[in-house]
């Protein structure tokens, strides 16, 4: 699954085999988010991670969200999800 536009945000949900993989995937998102000083909304639990990207100040999706989405994709690629 790739990123979708939903309610003014880019959203991607990853299915994971267990809680620790979900946690590690969330951890992998931290560095790219800090590098861009743009922070996603994250939800995770056993078997899933949901990432939502939006620029609250702009009231929706901006180029910065697309840039972070690309960096997140690269960061989670080693997980094979």
Protein backbone atom coordinates (compact mmCIF):
# COMPACT_ATOMS: atom_id res chain seq x y z
CA UNK A 1 0.00 0.00 0.00
CA UNK A 2 1.21 3.51 -0.69
CA UNK A 3 0.30 6.94 0.59
CA UNK A 4 -3.29 8.09 0.15
CA UNK A 5 -4.89 11.49 0.62
CA UNK A 6 -7.46 11.39 3.40
CA UNK A 7 -9.10 14.32 5.21
CA UNK A 8 -6.36 16.79 4.28
CA UNK A 9 -3.47 14.46 5.13
CA UNK A 10 -1.20 11.93 3.48
CA UNK A 11 -1.83 8.60 5.20
CA UNK A 12 -0.05 5.27 5.05
CA UNK A 13 -0.74 2.18 7.13
CA UNK A 14 1.83 -0.56 7.49
CA UNK A 15 0.93 -4.10 8.56
CA UNK A 16 3.60 -5.58 10.80
CA UNK A 17 4.08 -9.13 12.07
CA UNK A 18 4.24 -8.09 15.73
CA UNK A 19 4.42 -5.22 18.20
CA UNK A 20 8.23 -4.94 18.25
CA UNK A 21 8.36 -4.53 14.48
CA UNK A 22 5.72 -1.80 14.72
CA UNK A 23 7.76 -0.08 17.42
CA UNK A 24 10.96 -0.29 15.38
CA UNK A 25 9.19 1.06 12.31
CA UNK A 26 7.96 4.06 14.34
CA UNK A 27 11.50 4.55 15.63
CA UNK A 28 12.81 4.60 12.04
CA UNK A 29 10.49 7.53 11.27
CA UNK A 30 11.92 9.76 14.00
CA UNK A 31 15.20 10.67 12.30
CA UNK A 32 13.74 11.78 8.94
CA UNK A 33 11.03 13.74 10.76
CA UNK A 34 13.59 15.53 12.92
CA UNK A 35 15.82 16.23 9.91
CA UNK A 36 12.94 18.07 8.20
CA UNK A 37 11.60 19.51 11.47
CA UNK A 38 8.23 18.16 10.36
CA UNK A 39 6.54 15.67 12.64
CA UNK A 40 3.89 13.11 11.70
CA UNK A 41 0.95 11.91 13.69
CA UNK A 42 1.59 8.28 14.56
CA UNK A 43 -0.62 5.46 15.79
CA UNK A 44 0.71 2.00 16.34
CA UNK A 45 -0.01 -1.23 18.10
CA UNK A 46 0.28 -4.94 17.61
CA UNK A 47 0.43 -5.50 13.86
CA UNK A 48 0.13 -1.98 12.50
CA UNK A 49 1.57 1.51 12.18
CA UNK A 50 -0.47 4.40 10.80
CA UNK A 51 1.34 7.57 9.75
CA UNK A 52 -0.49 10.81 8.96
CA UNK A 53 1.29 13.77 7.40
CA UNK A 54 -0.23 17.22 7.19
CA UNK A 55 1.00 20.77 7.58
CA UNK A 56 -1.29 22.13 10.26
CA UNK A 57 -0.25 25.76 9.68
CA UNK A 58 -1.21 25.46 6.00
CA UNK A 59 -4.40 23.54 6.70
CA UNK A 60 -3.51 20.55 4.55
CA UNK A 61 -0.90 18.77 2.50
CA UNK A 62 2.20 20.66 1.35
CA UNK A 63 5.44 19.84 -0.42
CA UNK A 64 7.02 19.27 2.99
CA UNK A 65 4.58 16.40 3.60
CA UNK A 66 5.50 14.83 0.27
CA UNK A 67 9.21 15.17 1.08
CA UNK A 68 8.76 13.51 4.46
CA UNK A 69 6.68 10.72 2.90
CA UNK A 70 9.58 9.95 0.52
CA UNK A 71 12.08 9.95 3.37
CA UNK A 72 9.85 7.70 5.47
CA UNK A 73 9.52 5.27 2.56
CA UNK A 74 13.32 5.09 2.35
CA UNK A 75 13.68 4.67 6.13
CA UNK A 76 11.23 1.77 6.36
CA UNK A 77 12.38 0.00 3.19
CA UNK A 78 14.68 -2.34 5.18
CA UNK A 79 11.59 -3.69 6.96
CA UNK A 80 10.32 -5.16 3.70
CA UNK A 81 6.81 -3.91 4.33
